[in-house]
Amino acid sequence: MLVLVLVLSGCGPPSVEPTAPDGFADVSVTLPEDRTLLPPGPNHELATANCTACHSAEMITHQPRLTRAQWEANVEKMVSVYKANIAPADVAPIVDYLVTVNTRLTPAVRSAPPPRPEP
């Protein structure tokens, strides 16, 4: 009863005005430009169009050496779990590209983390 009296008398919790109808503020984020390109290879355009929508080329080229089955599982996970918009017919060609490129990269390129820009 006391709470009802306090709320009706204007002593309730402070009113917070949301910045947007859904209560979330609009925020603009500018990400650093990725200057690395995926290496050439069969199905390069397909992999670039699909994989770099979410991943940087550096992230893709710095993966450990994975087997075909591991790449297939990773791509399938991107589609089924993370809802990547990859056509079913494009999965195999993308896996082919990732396997081909991944086996051509030197161990130093695969394991060395990309340099971080100074803040």
PDB file of N, CA and C in Angstrom:
ATOM      1  N   MET A   1       0.818  -1.184   0.000  1.00  0.00           N
ATOM      2  CA  MET A   1       0.000   0.000   0.000  1.00  0.00           C
ATOM      3  C   MET A   1       0.866   1.254   0.000  1.00  0.00           C
ATOM      4  N   LEU A   2       1.945   1.210   0.783  1.00  0.00           N
ATOM      5  CA  LEU A   2       2.858   2.342   0.860  1.00  0.00           C
ATOM      6  C   LEU A   2       3.465   2.640  -0.504  1.00  0.00           C
ATOM      7  N   VAL A   3       3.829   1.582  -1.260  1.00  0.00           N
ATOM      8  CA  VAL A   3       4.399   1.764  -2.596  1.00  0.00           C
ATOM      9  C   VAL A   3       3.393   2.447  -3.505  1.00  0.00           C
ATOM     10  N   LEU A   4       2.161   2.033  -3.446  1.00  0.00           N
ATOM     11  CA  LEU A   4       1.120   2.634  -4.271  1.00  0.00           C
ATOM     12  C   LEU A   4       0.958   4.102  -3.935  1.00  0.00           C
ATOM     13  N   VAL A   5       0.986   4.438  -2.685  1.00  0.00           N
ATOM     14  CA  VAL A   5       0.866   5.845  -2.265  1.00  0.00           C
ATOM     15  C   VAL A   5       2.052   6.642  -2.774  1.00  0.00           C
ATOM     16  N   LEU A   6       3.277   6.082  -2.661  1.00  0.00           N
ATOM     17  CA  LEU A   6       4.477   6.790  -3.128  1.00  0.00           C
ATOM     18  C   LEU A   6       4.454   6.990  -4.631  1.00  0.00           C
ATOM     19  N   VAL A   7       4.027   5.976  -5.355  1.00  0.00           N
ATOM     20  CA  VAL A   7       3.984   6.086  -6.814  1.00  0.00           C
ATOM     21  C   VAL A   7       2.933   7.106  -7.240  1.00  0.00           C
ATOM     22  N   LEU A   8       1.764   7.055  -6.631  1.00  0.00           N
ATOM     23  CA  LEU A   8       0.696   7.988  -6.991  1.00  0.00           C
ATOM     24  C   LEU A   8       1.030   9.419  -6.591  1.00  0.00           C
ATOM     25  N   SER A   9       1.845   9.584  -5.585  1.00  0.00           N
ATOM     26  CA  SER A   9       2.186  10.935  -5.145  1.00  0.00           C
ATOM     27  C   SER A   9       3.397  11.490  -5.880  1.00  0.00           C
ATOM     28  N   GLY A  10       3.945  10.733  -6.819  1.00  0.00           N
ATOM     29  CA  GLY A  10       5.074  11.235  -7.593  1.00  0.00           C
ATOM     30  C   GLY A  10       6.417  10.893  -6.986  1.00  0.00           C
ATOM     31  N   CYS A  11       6.470  10.059  -5.979  1.00  0.00           N
ATOM     32  CA  CYS A  11       7.730   9.687  -5.345  1.00  0.00           C
ATOM     33  C   CYS A  11       8.232   8.336  -5.832  1.00  0.00           C
ATOM     34  N   GLY A  12       7.736   7.898  -6.945  1.00  0.00           N
ATOM     35  CA  GLY A  12       8.146   6.604  -7.488  1.00  0.00           C
ATOM     36  C   GLY A  12       9.514   6.701  -8.123  1.00  0.00           C
ATOM     37  N   PRO A  13       9.943   5.646  -8.775  1.00  0.00           N
ATOM     38  CA  PRO A  13      11.254   5.645  -9.423  1.00  0.00           C
ATOM     39  C   PRO A  13      11.292   6.700 -10.519  1.00  0.00           C
ATOM     40  N   PRO A  14      12.477   7.237 -10.777  1.00  0.00           N
ATOM     41  CA  PRO A  14      12.578   8.284 -11.806  1.00  0.00           C
ATOM     42  C   PRO A  14      12.192   7.742 -13.174  1.00  0.00           C
ATOM     43  N   SER A  15      11.616   8.571 -13.962  1.00  0.00           N
ATOM     44  CA  SER A  15      11.225   8.202 -15.310  1.00  0.00           C
ATOM     45  C   SER A  15      12.435   8.323 -16.225  1.00  0.00           C
ATOM     46  N   VAL A  16      12.692   7.299 -17.019  1.00  0.00           N
ATOM     47  CA  VAL A  16      13.804   7.313 -17.952  1.00  0.00           C
ATOM     48  C   VAL A  16      13.221   7.358 -19.355  1.00  0.00           C
ATOM     49  N   GLU A  17      13.599   8.347 -20.097  1.00  0.00           N
ATOM     50  CA  GLU A  17      13.106   8.529 -21.451  1.00  0.00           C
ATOM     51  C   GLU A  17      14.004   7.736 -22.403  1.00  0.00           C
ATOM     52  N   PRO A  18      13.492   6.727 -23.091  1.00  0.00           N
ATOM     53  CA  PRO A  18      14.335   5.970 -24.021  1.00  0.00           C
ATOM     54  C   PRO A  18      14.744   6.839 -25.197  1.00  0.00           C
ATOM     55  N   THR A  19      15.879   6.496 -25.798  1.00  0.00           N
ATOM     56  CA  THR A  19      16.375   7.272 -26.932  1.00  0.00           C
ATOM     57  C   THR A  19      15.771   6.796 -28.250  1.00  0.00           C
ATOM     58  N   ALA A  20      15.136   5.669 -28.245  1.00  0.00           N
ATOM     59  CA  ALA A  20      14.478   5.142 -29.436  1.00  0.00           C
ATOM     60  C   ALA A  20      13.217   4.428 -28.975  1.00  0.00           C
ATOM     61  N   PRO A  21      12.250   4.213 -29.866  1.00  0.00           N
ATOM     62  CA  PRO A  21      10.995   3.567 -29.459  1.00  0.00           C
ATOM     63  C   PRO A  21      11.192   2.217 -28.771  1.00  0.00           C
ATOM     64  N   ASP A  22      12.229   1.489 -29.158  1.00  0.00           N
ATOM     65  CA  ASP A  22      12.446   0.175 -28.558  1.00  0.00           C
ATOM     66  C   ASP A  22      13.327   0.234 -27.313  1.00  0.00           C
ATOM     67  N   GLY A  23      13.745   1.441 -26.904  1.00  0.00           N
ATOM     68  CA  GLY A  23      14.563   1.597 -25.713  1.00  0.00           C
ATOM     69  C   GLY A  23      16.053   1.537 -25.969  1.00  0.00           C
ATOM     70  N   PHE A  24      16.453   1.340 -27.204  1.00  0.00           N
ATOM     71  CA  PHE A  24      17.868   1.256 -27.537  1.00  0.00           C
ATOM     72  C   PHE A  24      18.290   2.504 -28.289  1.00  0.00           C
ATOM     73  N   ALA A  25      19.513   2.944 -28.036  1.00  0.00           N
ATOM     74  CA  ALA A  25      20.051   4.100 -28.738  1.00  0.00           C
ATOM     75  C   ALA A  25      20.685   3.643 -30.053  1.00  0.00           C
ATOM     76  N   ASP A  26      20.583   4.478 -31.069  1.00  0.00           N
ATOM     77  CA  ASP A  26      21.266   4.198 -32.324  1.00  0.00           C
ATOM     78  C   ASP A  26      22.736   4.555 -32.147  1.00  0.00           C
ATOM     79  N   VAL A  27      23.600   3.642 -32.532  1.00  0.00           N
ATOM     80  CA  VAL A  27      25.033   3.848 -32.398  1.00  0.00           C
ATOM     81  C   VAL A  27      25.684   3.533 -33.731  1.00  0.00           C
ATOM     82  N   SER A  28      26.629   4.341 -34.119  1.00  0.00           N
ATOM     83  CA  SER A  28      27.368   4.109 -35.341  1.00  0.00           C
ATOM     84  C   SER A  28      28.781   3.671 -34.971  1.00  0.00           C
ATOM     85  N   VAL A  29      29.224   2.579 -35.565  1.00  0.00           N
ATOM     86  CA  VAL A  29      30.553   2.050 -35.292  1.00  0.00           C
ATOM     87  C   VAL A  29      31.304   1.984 -36.612  1.00  0.00           C
ATOM     88  N   THR A  30      32.513   2.522 -36.634  1.00  0.00           N
ATOM     89  CA  THR A  30      33.359   2.443 -37.810  1.00  0.00           C
ATOM     90  C   THR A  30      34.482   1.464 -37.522  1.00  0.00           C
ATOM     91  N   LEU A  31      34.501   0.365 -38.265  1.00  0.00           N
ATOM     92  CA  LEU A  31      35.535  -0.640 -38.087  1.00  0.00           C
ATOM     93  C   LEU A  31      36.750  -0.287 -38.934  1.00  0.00           C
ATOM     94  N   PRO A  32      37.935  -0.717 -38.490  1.00  0.00           N
ATOM     95  CA  PRO A  32      39.119  -0.441 -39.312  1.00  0.00           C
ATOM     96  C   PRO A  32      39.021  -1.166 -40.641  1.00  0.00           C
ATOM     97  N   GLU A  33      39.597  -0.574 -41.653  1.00  0.00           N
ATOM     98  CA  GLU A  33      39.567  -1.170 -42.987  1.00  0.00           C
ATOM     99  C   GLU A  33      40.466  -2.396 -43.022  1.00  0.00           C
ATOM    100  N   ASP A  34      39.980  -3.476 -43.592  1.00  0.00           N
ATOM    101  CA  ASP A  34      40.771  -4.689 -43.741  1.00  0.00           C
ATOM    102  C   ASP A  34      41.499  -4.590 -45.071  1.00  0.00           C
ATOM    103  N   ARG A  35      42.778  -4.419 -45.019  1.00  0.00           N
ATOM    104  CA  ARG A  35      43.560  -4.242 -46.243  1.00  0.00           C
ATOM    105  C   ARG A  35      44.052  -5.563 -46.816  1.00  0.00           C
ATOM    106  N   THR A  36      43.792  -6.644 -46.108  1.00  0.00           N
ATOM    107  CA  THR A  36      44.210  -7.961 -46.576  1.00  0.00           C
ATOM    108  C   THR A  36      43.116  -8.537 -47.472  1.00  0.00           C
ATOM    109  N   LEU A  37      43.510  -9.157 -48.548  1.00  0.00           N
ATOM    110  CA  LEU A  37      42.571  -9.819 -49.443  1.00  0.00           C
ATOM    111  C   LEU A  37      42.778 -11.316 -49.340  1.00  0.00           C
ATOM    112  N   LEU A  38      41.748 -12.058 -49.615  1.00  0.00           N
ATOM    113  CA  LEU A  38      41.911 -13.504 -49.650  1.00  0.00           C
ATOM    114  C   LEU A  38      42.790 -13.865 -50.837  1.00  0.00           C
ATOM    115  N   PRO A  39      43.659 -14.864 -50.663  1.00  0.00           N
ATOM    116  CA  PRO A  39      44.536 -15.255 -51.767  1.00  0.00           C
ATOM    117  C   PRO A  39      43.743 -15.805 -52.948  1.00  0.00           C
ATOM    118  N   PRO A  40      44.278 -15.679 -54.154  1.00  0.00           N
ATOM    119  CA  PRO A  40      43.574 -16.208 -55.319  1.00  0.00           C
ATOM    120  C   PRO A  40      43.494 -17.728 -55.257  1.00  0.00           C
ATOM    121  N   GLY A  41      42.500 -18.243 -55.906  1.00  0.00           N
ATOM    122  CA  GLY A  41      42.314 -19.685 -55.964  1.00  0.00           C
ATOM    123  C   GLY A  41      40.957 -19.979 -56.562  1.00  0.00           C
ATOM    124  N   PRO A  42      40.674 -21.269 -56.798  1.00  0.00           N
ATOM    125  CA  PRO A  42      39.367 -21.622 -57.353  1.00  0.00           C
ATOM    126  C   PRO A  42      38.253 -21.222 -56.388  1.00  0.00           C
ATOM    127  N   ASN A  43      37.229 -20.588 -56.904  1.00  0.00           N
ATOM    128  CA  ASN A  43      36.071 -20.131 -56.109  1.00  0.00           C
ATOM    129  C   ASN A  43      36.404 -18.966 -55.183  1.00  0.00           C
ATOM    130  N   HIS A  44      37.448 -18.218 -55.532  1.00  0.00           N
ATOM    131  CA  HIS A  44      37.867 -17.058 -54.735  1.00  0.00           C
ATOM    132  C   HIS A  44      36.726 -16.050 -54.554  1.00  0.00           C
ATOM    133  N   GLU A  45      36.031 -15.725 -55.644  1.00  0.00           N
ATOM    134  CA  GLU A  45      34.960 -14.726 -55.578  1.00  0.00           C
ATOM    135  C   GLU A  45      33.830 -15.183 -54.663  1.00  0.00           C
ATOM    136  N   LEU A  46      33.505 -16.460 -54.735  1.00  0.00           N
ATOM    137  CA  LEU A  46      32.433 -17.023 -53.911  1.00  0.00           C
ATOM    138  C   LEU A  46      32.811 -16.964 -52.427  1.00  0.00           C
ATOM    139  N   ALA A  47      34.030 -17.343 -52.112  1.00  0.00           N
ATOM    140  CA  ALA A  47      34.492 -17.305 -50.717  1.00  0.00           C
ATOM    141  C   ALA A  47      34.563 -15.859 -50.219  1.00  0.00           C
ATOM    142  N   THR A  48      35.055 -14.966 -51.051  1.00  0.00           N
ATOM    143  CA  THR A  48      35.150 -13.559 -50.645  1.00  0.00           C
ATOM    144  C   THR A  48      33.759 -13.002 -50.374  1.00  0.00           C
ATOM    145  N   ALA A  49      32.832 -13.253 -51.272  1.00  0.00           N
ATOM    146  CA  ALA A  49      31.475 -12.711 -51.109  1.00  0.00           C
ATOM    147  C   ALA A  49      30.779 -13.267 -49.874  1.00  0.00           C
ATOM    148  N   ASN A  50      30.988 -14.526 -49.566  1.00  0.00           N
ATOM    149  CA  ASN A  50      30.276 -15.152 -48.450  1.00  0.00           C
ATOM    150  C   ASN A  50      31.020 -15.065 -47.125  1.00  0.00           C
ATOM    151  N   CYS A  51      32.309 -15.335 -47.131  1.00  0.00           N
ATOM    152  CA  CYS A  51      33.054 -15.423 -45.863  1.00  0.00           C
ATOM    153  C   CYS A  51      33.423 -14.058 -45.294  1.00  0.00           C
ATOM    154  N   THR A  52      33.802 -13.125 -46.177  1.00  0.00           N
ATOM    155  CA  THR A  52      34.235 -11.821 -45.662  1.00  0.00           C
ATOM    156  C   THR A  52      33.064 -10.921 -45.298  1.00  0.00           C
ATOM    157  N   ALA A  53      31.852 -11.412 -45.453  1.00  0.00           N
ATOM    158  CA  ALA A  53      30.700 -10.648 -44.959  1.00  0.00           C
ATOM    159  C   ALA A  53      30.746 -10.577 -43.434  1.00  0.00           C
ATOM    160  N   CYS A  54      31.346 -11.586 -42.807  1.00  0.00           N
ATOM    161  CA  CYS A  54      31.434 -11.629 -41.339  1.00  0.00           C
ATOM    162  C   CYS A  54      32.868 -11.694 -40.822  1.00  0.00           C
ATOM    163  N   HIS A  55      33.771 -12.264 -41.606  1.00  0.00           N
ATOM    164  CA  HIS A  55      35.146 -12.484 -41.154  1.00  0.00           C
ATOM    165  C   HIS A  55      36.118 -11.640 -41.965  1.00  0.00           C
ATOM    166  N   SER A  56      37.185 -11.175 -41.313  1.00  0.00           N
ATOM    167  CA  SER A  56      38.235 -10.477 -42.051  1.00  0.00           C
ATOM    168  C   SER A  56      39.053 -11.504 -42.826  1.00  0.00           C
ATOM    169  N   ALA A  57      39.675 -11.046 -43.900  1.00  0.00           N
ATOM    170  CA  ALA A  57      40.541 -11.933 -44.666  1.00  0.00           C
ATOM    171  C   ALA A  57      41.695 -12.420 -43.792  1.00  0.00           C
ATOM    172  N   GLU A  58      42.194 -11.557 -42.916  1.00  0.00           N
ATOM    173  CA  GLU A  58      43.275 -11.967 -42.004  1.00  0.00           C
ATOM    174  C   GLU A  58      42.837 -13.109 -41.107  1.00  0.00           C
ATOM    175  N   MET A  59      41.618 -13.023 -40.597  1.00  0.00           N
ATOM    176  CA  MET A  59      41.126 -14.081 -39.720  1.00  0.00           C
ATOM    177  C   MET A  59      41.041 -15.406 -40.477  1.00  0.00           C
ATOM    178  N   ILE A  60      40.576 -15.358 -41.710  1.00  0.00           N
ATOM    179  CA  ILE A  60      40.424 -16.568 -42.515  1.00  0.00           C
ATOM    180  C   ILE A  60      41.788 -17.167 -42.857  1.00  0.00           C
ATOM    181  N   THR A  61      42.761 -16.320 -43.203  1.00  0.00           N
ATOM    182  CA  THR A  61      44.069 -16.823 -43.624  1.00  0.00           C
ATOM    183  C   THR A  61      44.970 -17.202 -42.455  1.00  0.00           C
ATOM    184  N   HIS A  62      44.559 -16.922 -41.239  1.00  0.00           N
ATOM    185  CA  HIS A  62      45.377 -17.265 -40.072  1.00  0.00           C
ATOM    186  C   HIS A  62      44.805 -18.444 -39.292  1.00  0.00           C
ATOM    187  N   GLN A  63      44.099 -19.306 -39.967  1.00  0.00           N
ATOM    188  CA  GLN A  63      43.557 -20.505 -39.326  1.00  0.00           C
ATOM    189  C   GLN A  63      44.607 -21.612 -39.335  1.00  0.00           C
ATOM    190  N   PRO A  64      44.567 -22.482 -38.348  1.00  0.00           N
ATOM    191  CA  PRO A  64      45.468 -23.644 -38.398  1.00  0.00           C
ATOM    192  C   PRO A  64      45.106 -24.523 -39.587  1.00  0.00           C
ATOM    193  N   ARG A  65      46.003 -25.406 -39.977  1.00  0.00           N
ATOM    194  CA  ARG A  65      45.716 -26.292 -41.103  1.00  0.00           C
ATOM    195  C   ARG A  65      44.582 -27.233 -40.703  1.00  0.00           C
ATOM    196  N   LEU A  66      43.476 -27.121 -41.412  1.00  0.00           N
ATOM    197  CA  LEU A  66      42.297 -27.930 -41.112  1.00  0.00           C
ATOM    198  C   LEU A  66      42.073 -28.943 -42.217  1.00  0.00           C
ATOM    199  N   THR A  67      41.466 -30.041 -41.871  1.00  0.00           N
ATOM    200  CA  THR A  67      41.116 -31.054 -42.866  1.00  0.00           C
ATOM    201  C   THR A  67      39.851 -30.609 -43.610  1.00  0.00           C
ATOM    202  N   ARG A  68      39.578 -31.277 -44.708  1.00  0.00           N
ATOM    203  CA  ARG A  68      38.339 -30.993 -45.455  1.00  0.00           C
ATOM    204  C   ARG A  68      37.116 -31.164 -44.548  1.00  0.00           C
ATOM    205  N   ALA A  69      37.096 -32.229 -43.764  1.00  0.00           N
ATOM    206  CA  ALA A  69      35.956 -32.480 -42.867  1.00  0.00           C
ATOM    207  C   ALA A  69      35.802 -31.344 -41.845  1.00  0.00           C
ATOM    208  N   GLN A  70      36.914 -30.830 -41.352  1.00  0.00           N
ATOM    209  CA  GLN A  70      36.835 -29.723 -40.393  1.00  0.00           C
ATOM    210  C   GLN A  70      36.320 -28.449 -41.059  1.00  0.00           C
ATOM    211  N   TRP A  71      36.773 -28.160 -42.285  1.00  0.00           N
ATOM    212  CA  TRP A  71      36.260 -26.991 -43.002  1.00  0.00           C
ATOM    213  C   TRP A  71      34.773 -27.165 -43.308  1.00  0.00           C
ATOM    214  N   GLU A  72      34.372 -28.364 -43.716  1.00  0.00           N
ATOM    215  CA  GLU A  72      32.950 -28.615 -43.983  1.00  0.00           C
ATOM    216  C   GLU A  72      32.128 -28.374 -42.721  1.00  0.00           C
ATOM    217  N   ALA A  73      32.600 -28.863 -41.586  1.00  0.00           N
ATOM    218  CA  ALA A  73      31.884 -28.661 -40.322  1.00  0.00           C
ATOM    219  C   ALA A  73      31.816 -27.183 -39.964  1.00  0.00           C
ATOM    220  N   ASN A  74      32.904 -26.447 -40.210  1.00  0.00           N
ATOM    221  CA  ASN A  74      32.899 -25.008 -39.907  1.00  0.00           C
ATOM    222  C   ASN A  74      31.913 -24.246 -40.781  1.00  0.00           C
ATOM    223  N   VAL A  75      31.912 -24.537 -42.064  1.00  0.00           N
ATOM    224  CA  VAL A  75      30.991 -23.836 -42.970  1.00  0.00           C
ATOM    225  C   VAL A  75      29.546 -24.209 -42.642  1.00  0.00           C
ATOM    226  N   GLU A  76      29.290 -25.485 -42.398  1.00  0.00           N
ATOM    227  CA  GLU A  76      27.934 -25.912 -42.029  1.00  0.00           C
ATOM    228  C   GLU A  76      27.478 -25.231 -40.729  1.00  0.00           C
ATOM    229  N   LYS A  77      28.407 -25.064 -39.784  1.00  0.00           N
ATOM    230  CA  LYS A  77      28.082 -24.379 -38.529  1.00  0.00           C
ATOM    231  C   LYS A  77      27.714 -22.913 -38.805  1.00  0.00           C
ATOM    232  N   MET A  78      28.444 -22.279 -39.715  1.00  0.00           N
ATOM    233  CA  MET A  78      28.136 -20.882 -40.048  1.00  0.00           C
ATOM    234  C   MET A  78      26.713 -20.767 -40.605  1.00  0.00           C
ATOM    235  N   VAL A  79      26.308 -21.763 -41.395  1.00  0.00           N
ATOM    236  CA  VAL A  79      24.973 -21.748 -41.996  1.00  0.00           C
ATOM    237  C   VAL A  79      23.903 -22.102 -40.972  1.00  0.00           C
ATOM    238  N   SER A  80      24.095 -23.198 -40.248  1.00  0.00           N
ATOM    239  CA  SER A  80      23.033 -23.689 -39.366  1.00  0.00           C
ATOM    240  C   SER A  80      22.944 -22.943 -38.039  1.00  0.00           C
ATOM    241  N   VAL A  81      24.075 -22.611 -37.447  1.00  0.00           N
ATOM    242  CA  VAL A  81      24.058 -21.960 -36.134  1.00  0.00           C
ATOM    243  C   VAL A  81      24.006 -20.443 -36.256  1.00  0.00           C
ATOM    244  N   TYR A  82      24.889 -19.889 -37.100  1.00  0.00           N
ATOM    245  CA  TYR A  82      24.990 -18.428 -37.199  1.00  0.00           C
ATOM    246  C   TYR A  82      24.166 -17.838 -38.337  1.00  0.00           C
ATOM    247  N   LYS A  83      23.438 -18.692 -39.053  1.00  0.00           N
ATOM    248  CA  LYS A  83      22.512 -18.268 -40.115  1.00  0.00           C
ATOM    249  C   LYS A  83      23.201 -17.503 -41.244  1.00  0.00           C
ATOM    250  N   ALA A  84      24.411 -17.917 -41.598  1.00  0.00           N
ATOM    251  CA  ALA A  84      25.090 -17.317 -42.746  1.00  0.00           C
ATOM    252  C   ALA A  84      24.247 -17.568 -43.986  1.00  0.00           C
ATOM    253  N   ASN A  85      24.117 -16.559 -44.795  1.00  0.00           N
ATOM    254  CA  ASN A  85      23.273 -16.638 -45.982  1.00  0.00           C
ATOM    255  C   ASN A  85      24.069 -17.244 -47.146  1.00  0.00           C
ATOM    256  N   ILE A  86      24.386 -18.528 -47.002  1.00  0.00           N
ATOM    257  CA  ILE A  86      25.158 -19.240 -48.023  1.00  0.00           C
ATOM    258  C   ILE A  86      24.229 -20.261 -48.670  1.00  0.00           C
ATOM    259  N   ALA A  87      24.121 -20.183 -49.981  1.00  0.00           N
ATOM    260  CA  ALA A  87      23.274 -21.132 -50.705  1.00  0.00           C
ATOM    261  C   ALA A  87      23.844 -22.539 -50.547  1.00  0.00           C
ATOM    262  N   PRO A  88      22.984 -23.544 -50.410  1.00  0.00           N
ATOM    263  CA  PRO A  88      23.472 -24.924 -50.256  1.00  0.00           C
ATOM    264  C   PRO A  88      24.438 -25.340 -51.369  1.00  0.00           C
ATOM    265  N   ALA A  89      24.183 -24.888 -52.590  1.00  0.00           N
ATOM    266  CA  ALA A  89      25.059 -25.246 -53.714  1.00  0.00           C
ATOM    267  C   ALA A  89      26.437 -24.588 -53.611  1.00  0.00           C
ATOM    268  N   ASP A  90      26.562 -23.545 -52.797  1.00  0.00           N
ATOM    269  CA  ASP A  90      27.836 -22.832 -52.661  1.00  0.00           C
ATOM    270  C   ASP A  90      28.726 -23.391 -51.554  1.00  0.00           C
ATOM    271  N   VAL A  91      28.190 -24.249 -50.708  1.00  0.00           N
ATOM    272  CA  VAL A  91      28.969 -24.768 -49.574  1.00  0.00           C
ATOM    273  C   VAL A  91      30.190 -25.543 -50.054  1.00  0.00           C
ATOM    274  N   ALA A  92      30.016 -26.502 -50.941  1.00  0.00           N
ATOM    275  CA  ALA A  92      31.139 -27.328 -51.415  1.00  0.00           C
ATOM    276  C   ALA A  92      32.216 -26.493 -52.111  1.00  0.00           C
ATOM    277  N   PRO A  93      31.868 -25.563 -53.017  1.00  0.00           N
ATOM    278  CA  PRO A  93      32.907 -24.744 -53.636  1.00  0.00           C
ATOM    279  C   PRO A  93      33.656 -23.865 -52.631  1.00  0.00           C
ATOM    280  N   ILE A  94      32.950 -23.366 -51.609  1.00  0.00           N
ATOM    281  CA  ILE A  94      33.621 -22.562 -50.583  1.00  0.00           C
ATOM    282  C   ILE A  94      34.586 -23.435 -49.786  1.00  0.00           C
ATOM    283  N   VAL A  95      34.155 -24.639 -49.433  1.00  0.00           N
ATOM    284  CA  VAL A  95      35.036 -25.568 -48.718  1.00  0.00           C
ATOM    285  C   VAL A  95      36.247 -25.900 -49.587  1.00  0.00           C
ATOM    286  N   ASP A  96      36.041 -26.134 -50.881  1.00  0.00           N
ATOM    287  CA  ASP A  96      37.157 -26.405 -51.794  1.00  0.00           C
ATOM    288  C   ASP A  96      38.169 -25.270 -51.737  1.00  0.00           C
ATOM    289  N   TYR A  97      37.670 -24.037 -51.790  1.00  0.00           N
ATOM    290  CA  TYR A  97      38.561 -22.869 -51.737  1.00  0.00           C
ATOM    291  C   TYR A  97      39.336 -22.841 -50.420  1.00  0.00           C
ATOM    292  N   LEU A  98      38.632 -23.001 -49.308  1.00  0.00           N
ATOM    293  CA  LEU A  98      39.292 -22.921 -48.002  1.00  0.00           C
ATOM    294  C   LEU A  98      40.345 -24.008 -47.832  1.00  0.00           C
ATOM    295  N   VAL A  99      40.046 -25.217 -48.286  1.00  0.00           N
ATOM    296  CA  VAL A  99      41.014 -26.312 -48.190  1.00  0.00           C
ATOM    297  C   VAL A  99      42.233 -25.999 -49.053  1.00  0.00           C
ATOM    298  N   THR A 100      42.007 -25.559 -50.284  1.00  0.00           N
ATOM    299  CA  THR A 100      43.104 -25.262 -51.207  1.00  0.00           C
ATOM    300  C   THR A 100      43.992 -24.156 -50.666  1.00  0.00           C
ATOM    301  N   VAL A 101      43.399 -23.075 -50.253  1.00  0.00           N
ATOM    302  CA  VAL A 101      44.172 -21.927 -49.765  1.00  0.00           C
ATOM    303  C   VAL A 101      44.864 -22.268 -48.455  1.00  0.00           C
ATOM    304  N   ASN A 102      44.169 -22.954 -47.566  1.00  0.00           N
ATOM    305  CA  ASN A 102      44.715 -23.282 -46.255  1.00  0.00           C
ATOM    306  C   ASN A 102      45.947 -24.177 -46.366  1.00  0.00           C
ATOM    307  N   THR A 103      45.974 -25.084 -47.331  1.00  0.00           N
ATOM    308  CA  THR A 103      47.133 -25.974 -47.459  1.00  0.00           C
ATOM    309  C   THR A 103      48.299 -25.284 -48.155  1.00  0.00           C
ATOM    310  N   ARG A 104      48.038 -24.189 -48.902  1.00  0.00           N
ATOM    311  CA  ARG A 104      49.115 -23.466 -49.586  1.00  0.00           C
ATOM    312  C   ARG A 104      49.821 -22.474 -48.676  1.00  0.00           C
ATOM    313  N   LEU A 105      49.146 -22.003 -47.609  1.00  0.00           N
ATOM    314  CA  LEU A 105      49.742 -20.997 -46.743  1.00  0.00           C
ATOM    315  C   LEU A 105      50.874 -21.601 -45.932  1.00  0.00           C
ATOM    316  N   THR A 106      51.906 -20.816 -45.718  1.00  0.00           N
ATOM    317  CA  THR A 106      53.039 -21.302 -44.928  1.00  0.00           C
ATOM    318  C   THR A 106      52.632 -21.369 -43.462  1.00  0.00           C
ATOM    319  N   PRO A 107      53.287 -22.217 -42.677  1.00  0.00           N
ATOM    320  CA  PRO A 107      52.947 -22.296 -41.251  1.00  0.00           C
ATOM    321  C   PRO A 107      53.038 -20.943 -40.543  1.00  0.00           C
ATOM    322  N   ALA A 108      54.007 -20.111 -40.916  1.00  0.00           N
ATOM    323  CA  ALA A 108      54.147 -18.803 -40.263  1.00  0.00           C
ATOM    324  C   ALA A 108      52.930 -17.932 -40.523  1.00  0.00           C
ATOM    325  N   VAL A 109      52.405 -17.975 -41.741  1.00  0.00           N
ATOM    326  CA  VAL A 109      51.223 -17.166 -42.067  1.00  0.00           C
ATOM    327  C   VAL A 109      50.009 -17.702 -41.335  1.00  0.00           C
ATOM    328  N   ARG A 110      49.885 -19.037 -41.245  1.00  0.00           N
ATOM    329  CA  ARG A 110      48.721 -19.619 -40.582  1.00  0.00           C
ATOM    330  C   ARG A 110      48.727 -19.361 -39.084  1.00  0.00           C
ATOM    331  N   SER A 111      49.889 -19.344 -38.446  1.00  0.00           N
ATOM    332  CA  SER A 111      49.911 -19.276 -36.990  1.00  0.00           C
ATOM    333  C   SER A 111      50.200 -17.899 -36.432  1.00  0.00           C
ATOM    334  N   ALA A 112      50.803 -17.023 -37.196  1.00  0.00           N
ATOM    335  CA  ALA A 112      51.140 -15.700 -36.678  1.00  0.00           C
ATOM    336  C   ALA A 112      49.891 -14.839 -36.591  1.00  0.00           C
ATOM    337  N   PRO A 113      49.634 -14.251 -35.432  1.00  0.00           N
ATOM    338  CA  PRO A 113      48.468 -13.377 -35.343  1.00  0.00           C
ATOM    339  C   PRO A 113      48.713 -12.103 -36.147  1.00  0.00           C
ATOM    340  N   PRO A 114      47.653 -11.528 -36.675  1.00  0.00           N
ATOM    341  CA  PRO A 114      47.831 -10.300 -37.453  1.00  0.00           C
ATOM    342  C   PRO A 114      48.294  -9.176 -36.529  1.00  0.00           C
ATOM    343  N   PRO A 115      49.107  -8.254 -37.035  1.00  0.00           N
ATOM    344  CA  PRO A 115      49.558  -7.130 -36.206  1.00  0.00           C
ATOM    345  C   PRO A 115      48.373  -6.252 -35.832  1.00  0.00           C
ATOM    346  N   ARG A 116      48.385  -5.766 -34.616  1.00  0.00           N
ATOM    347  CA  ARG A 116      47.318  -4.887 -34.123  1.00  0.00           C
ATOM    348  C   ARG A 116      47.778  -3.445 -34.258  1.00  0.00           C
ATOM    349  N   PRO A 117      46.926  -2.572 -34.763  1.00  0.00           N
ATOM    350  CA  PRO A 117      47.315  -1.155 -34.842  1.00  0.00           C
ATOM    351  C   PRO A 117      47.406  -0.558 -33.447  1.00  0.00           C
ATOM    352  N   GLU A 118      48.295   0.386 -33.308  1.00  0.00           N
ATOM    353  CA  GLU A 118      48.449   1.084 -32.033  1.00  0.00           C
ATOM    354  C   GLU A 118      47.215   1.951 -31.783  1.00  0.00           C
ATOM    355  N   PRO A 119      46.730   1.972 -30.524  1.00  0.00           N
ATOM    356  CA  PRO A 119      45.537   2.802 -30.229  1.00  0.00           C
ATOM    357  C   PRO A 119      45.819   4.273 -30.301  1.00  0.00           C
TER     358      PRO A 119
END
